[in-house]
Amino acid sequence: ISPVELQNLAFGGKPLGLDTAVKLTRVFDRDRSGSIEFPEYATLHKFITSMQNAFSQTDSDRSGTLDQQEIVTALRVAGFDLSP
């Protein structure tokens, strides 16, 4: 999957967009081929799903956005170890 193809992938009903697709390709393209192979895509999908779940769990006021404290909590829920 190239970044151009990935940009149309929708998560939460919204397409990623080219800028985000390029960045995600850089992160998850382990063999540096410029595109995402199936195993790389599986890892990408798992990451995005994890972040969506963390967002849903921490959007305490159900506003559809996260404030600063909700972002910190969401990152911890997603498994990121943050130092103060």
N, C-alpha and C. Protein backbone atom coordinates (compact mmCIF):
# COMPACT_ATOMS: atom_id res chain seq x y z
N ILE A 1 0.86 -1.17 0.00
CA ILE A 1 0.00 0.00 0.00
C ILE A 1 0.90 1.23 0.00
N SER A 2 0.68 2.10 -0.95
CA SER A 2 1.46 3.35 -1.02
C SER A 2 0.78 4.41 -0.15
N PRO A 3 1.49 5.49 0.20
CA PRO A 3 0.85 6.57 0.94
C PRO A 3 -0.37 7.14 0.21
N VAL A 4 -0.31 7.18 -1.12
CA VAL A 4 -1.44 7.70 -1.90
C VAL A 4 -2.67 6.81 -1.71
N GLU A 5 -2.45 5.49 -1.68
CA GLU A 5 -3.56 4.57 -1.44
C GLU A 5 -4.02 4.62 0.01
N LEU A 6 -3.07 4.74 0.92
CA LEU A 6 -3.38 4.75 2.35
C LEU A 6 -4.16 5.99 2.77
N GLN A 7 -3.99 7.10 2.07
CA GLN A 7 -4.65 8.34 2.46
C GLN A 7 -6.18 8.23 2.47
N ASN A 8 -6.72 7.31 1.69
CA ASN A 8 -8.17 7.16 1.61
C ASN A 8 -8.73 6.21 2.65
N LEU A 9 -7.86 5.54 3.38
CA LEU A 9 -8.30 4.63 4.41
C LEU A 9 -8.99 5.42 5.51
N ALA A 10 -10.18 5.00 5.88
CA ALA A 10 -10.95 5.74 6.88
C ALA A 10 -10.91 5.02 8.23
N PHE A 11 -10.65 5.75 9.26
CA PHE A 11 -10.75 5.29 10.64
C PHE A 11 -11.68 6.25 11.35
N GLY A 12 -12.68 5.69 11.99
CA GLY A 12 -13.67 6.54 12.65
C GLY A 12 -14.47 7.35 11.66
N GLY A 13 -14.58 6.85 10.42
CA GLY A 13 -15.37 7.54 9.40
C GLY A 13 -14.66 8.68 8.70
N LYS A 14 -13.40 8.91 9.05
CA LYS A 14 -12.65 10.01 8.44
C LYS A 14 -11.42 9.47 7.73
N PRO A 15 -11.20 9.89 6.47
CA PRO A 15 -9.98 9.44 5.77
C PRO A 15 -8.74 10.03 6.44
N LEU A 16 -7.65 9.30 6.33
CA LEU A 16 -6.40 9.74 6.96
C LEU A 16 -5.84 11.02 6.35
N GLY A 17 -5.93 11.15 5.04
CA GLY A 17 -5.32 12.28 4.35
C GLY A 17 -3.87 11.95 4.00
N LEU A 18 -3.34 12.63 3.00
CA LEU A 18 -2.01 12.31 2.47
C LEU A 18 -0.90 12.58 3.48
N ASP A 19 -0.93 13.70 4.16
CA ASP A 19 0.12 14.04 5.11
C ASP A 19 0.25 12.97 6.20
N THR A 20 -0.87 12.56 6.76
CA THR A 20 -0.86 11.52 7.79
C THR A 20 -0.44 10.19 7.20
N ALA A 21 -0.90 9.87 6.00
CA ALA A 21 -0.54 8.61 5.35
C ALA A 21 0.97 8.53 5.10
N VAL A 22 1.58 9.63 4.69
CA VAL A 22 3.03 9.66 4.47
C VAL A 22 3.76 9.41 5.78
N LYS A 23 3.32 10.08 6.84
CA LYS A 23 3.97 9.91 8.15
C LYS A 23 3.82 8.49 8.66
N LEU A 24 2.62 7.93 8.54
CA LEU A 24 2.41 6.56 8.99
C LEU A 24 3.22 5.56 8.18
N THR A 25 3.36 5.82 6.89
CA THR A 25 4.18 4.94 6.04
C THR A 25 5.63 4.98 6.51
N ARG A 26 6.13 6.15 6.82
CA ARG A 26 7.52 6.26 7.30
C ARG A 26 7.72 5.48 8.59
N VAL A 27 6.74 5.51 9.47
CA VAL A 27 6.87 4.83 10.75
C VAL A 27 6.76 3.31 10.60
N PHE A 28 5.80 2.85 9.79
CA PHE A 28 5.49 1.42 9.75
C PHE A 28 6.14 0.67 8.59
N ASP A 29 6.81 1.36 7.69
CA ASP A 29 7.50 0.73 6.56
C ASP A 29 8.87 0.26 7.02
N ARG A 30 8.92 -0.89 7.64
CA ARG A 30 10.16 -1.38 8.25
C ARG A 30 11.26 -1.70 7.24
N ASP A 31 10.89 -2.13 6.06
CA ASP A 31 11.92 -2.48 5.06
C ASP A 31 12.29 -1.29 4.18
N ARG A 32 11.71 -0.13 4.46
CA ARG A 32 12.01 1.12 3.74
C ARG A 32 11.79 1.00 2.23
N SER A 33 10.73 0.27 1.85
CA SER A 33 10.41 0.10 0.44
C SER A 33 9.61 1.26 -0.12
N GLY A 34 9.08 2.12 0.75
CA GLY A 34 8.24 3.24 0.32
C GLY A 34 6.77 2.90 0.31
N SER A 35 6.47 1.64 0.63
CA SER A 35 5.06 1.22 0.73
C SER A 35 4.94 0.26 1.91
N ILE A 36 3.72 -0.04 2.26
CA ILE A 36 3.45 -0.90 3.41
C ILE A 36 3.00 -2.26 2.91
N GLU A 37 3.76 -3.29 3.27
CA GLU A 37 3.41 -4.67 2.95
C GLU A 37 2.36 -5.14 3.96
N PHE A 38 1.77 -6.31 3.73
CA PHE A 38 0.70 -6.78 4.60
C PHE A 38 1.10 -6.87 6.07
N PRO A 39 2.24 -7.47 6.43
CA PRO A 39 2.59 -7.53 7.86
C PRO A 39 2.76 -6.13 8.48
N GLU A 40 3.31 -5.21 7.70
CA GLU A 40 3.46 -3.83 8.18
C GLU A 40 2.08 -3.19 8.36
N TYR A 41 1.17 -3.47 7.43
CA TYR A 41 -0.19 -2.94 7.54
C TYR A 41 -0.88 -3.51 8.76
N ALA A 42 -0.68 -4.79 9.05
CA ALA A 42 -1.31 -5.40 10.23
C ALA A 42 -0.85 -4.68 11.50
N THR A 43 0.43 -4.33 11.57
CA THR A 43 0.96 -3.59 12.71
C THR A 43 0.36 -2.19 12.77
N LEU A 44 0.28 -1.53 11.64
CA LEU A 44 -0.34 -0.20 11.56
C LEU A 44 -1.78 -0.24 12.02
N HIS A 45 -2.53 -1.21 11.54
CA HIS A 45 -3.94 -1.33 11.89
C HIS A 45 -4.11 -1.57 13.39
N LYS A 46 -3.27 -2.41 13.95
CA LYS A 46 -3.33 -2.68 15.39
C LYS A 46 -3.05 -1.40 16.18
N PHE A 47 -2.07 -0.61 15.75
CA PHE A 47 -1.75 0.65 16.42
C PHE A 47 -2.93 1.62 16.37
N ILE A 48 -3.50 1.81 15.19
CA ILE A 48 -4.60 2.76 15.05
C ILE A 48 -5.82 2.30 15.85
N THR A 49 -6.11 1.01 15.82
CA THR A 49 -7.23 0.49 16.59
C THR A 49 -7.00 0.72 18.09
N SER A 50 -5.78 0.49 18.53
CA SER A 50 -5.44 0.72 19.93
C SER A 50 -5.63 2.18 20.31
N MET A 51 -5.20 3.08 19.44
CA MET A 51 -5.36 4.51 19.72
C MET A 51 -6.82 4.92 19.72
N GLN A 52 -7.62 4.36 18.81
CA GLN A 52 -9.06 4.65 18.79
C GLN A 52 -9.71 4.20 20.09
N ASN A 53 -9.35 3.02 20.55
CA ASN A 53 -9.92 2.50 21.80
C ASN A 53 -9.51 3.38 22.98
N ALA A 54 -8.26 3.79 23.02
CA ALA A 54 -7.79 4.67 24.09
C ALA A 54 -8.53 6.00 24.05
N PHE A 55 -8.75 6.53 22.85
CA PHE A 55 -9.49 7.79 22.71
C PHE A 55 -10.90 7.62 23.26
N SER A 56 -11.57 6.56 22.86
CA SER A 56 -12.95 6.33 23.30
C SER A 56 -13.04 6.18 24.80
N GLN A 57 -12.08 5.50 25.39
CA GLN A 57 -12.10 5.26 26.83
C GLN A 57 -11.84 6.53 27.63
N THR A 58 -11.11 7.47 27.06
CA THR A 58 -10.69 8.64 27.85
C THR A 58 -11.42 9.93 27.50
N ASP A 59 -12.25 9.92 26.49
CA ASP A 59 -13.04 11.12 26.14
C ASP A 59 -14.20 11.20 27.14
N SER A 60 -13.87 11.58 28.37
CA SER A 60 -14.82 11.49 29.48
C SER A 60 -16.07 12.35 29.29
N ASP A 61 -15.95 13.48 28.62
CA ASP A 61 -17.12 14.34 28.42
C ASP A 61 -17.81 14.07 27.08
N ARG A 62 -17.31 13.06 26.33
CA ARG A 62 -17.88 12.66 25.04
C ARG A 62 -17.99 13.83 24.06
N SER A 63 -16.99 14.70 24.11
CA SER A 63 -16.98 15.88 23.23
C SER A 63 -16.46 15.56 21.83
N GLY A 64 -15.80 14.42 21.68
CA GLY A 64 -15.19 14.10 20.40
C GLY A 64 -13.79 14.67 20.27
N THR A 65 -13.33 15.36 21.30
CA THR A 65 -11.97 15.87 21.35
C THR A 65 -11.40 15.54 22.72
N LEU A 66 -10.08 15.57 22.82
CA LEU A 66 -9.42 15.31 24.09
C LEU A 66 -8.74 16.57 24.59
N ASP A 67 -8.94 16.87 25.88
CA ASP A 67 -8.20 17.98 26.47
C ASP A 67 -6.83 17.44 26.89
N GLN A 68 -6.00 18.31 27.45
CA GLN A 68 -4.63 17.92 27.77
C GLN A 68 -4.57 16.72 28.70
N GLN A 69 -5.37 16.71 29.74
CA GLN A 69 -5.33 15.58 30.69
C GLN A 69 -5.86 14.31 30.04
N GLU A 70 -6.89 14.43 29.21
CA GLU A 70 -7.41 13.25 28.52
C GLU A 70 -6.38 12.66 27.55
N ILE A 71 -5.57 13.52 26.93
CA ILE A 71 -4.51 13.04 26.03
C ILE A 71 -3.49 12.23 26.81
N VAL A 72 -3.07 12.75 27.95
CA VAL A 72 -2.10 12.03 28.79
C VAL A 72 -2.68 10.67 29.20
N THR A 73 -3.92 10.66 29.63
CA THR A 73 -4.58 9.42 30.04
C THR A 73 -4.71 8.46 28.85
N ALA A 74 -5.08 8.97 27.68
CA ALA A 74 -5.23 8.13 26.49
C ALA A 74 -3.91 7.48 26.11
N LEU A 75 -2.83 8.23 26.18
CA LEU A 75 -1.52 7.66 25.85
C LEU A 75 -1.13 6.57 26.84
N ARG A 76 -1.45 6.78 28.11
CA ARG A 76 -1.17 5.73 29.11
C ARG A 76 -2.03 4.50 28.86
N VAL A 77 -3.32 4.70 28.56
CA VAL A 77 -4.21 3.58 28.25
C VAL A 77 -3.69 2.82 27.04
N ALA A 78 -3.13 3.53 26.06
CA ALA A 78 -2.60 2.90 24.85
C ALA A 78 -1.26 2.20 25.07
N GLY A 79 -0.71 2.34 26.29
CA GLY A 79 0.51 1.61 26.60
C GLY A 79 1.79 2.43 26.57
N PHE A 80 1.67 3.73 26.39
CA PHE A 80 2.86 4.58 26.40
C PHE A 80 3.21 4.95 27.84
N ASP A 81 4.46 4.77 28.20
CA ASP A 81 4.93 5.09 29.54
C ASP A 81 5.48 6.51 29.52
N LEU A 82 4.73 7.42 30.13
CA LEU A 82 5.10 8.84 30.10
C LEU A 82 5.70 9.26 31.44
N SER A 83 6.77 9.99 31.38
CA SER A 83 7.33 10.55 32.61
C SER A 83 6.71 11.92 32.84
N PRO A 84 6.64 12.35 34.09
CA PRO A 84 6.03 13.68 34.37
C PRO A 84 6.83 14.74 33.73
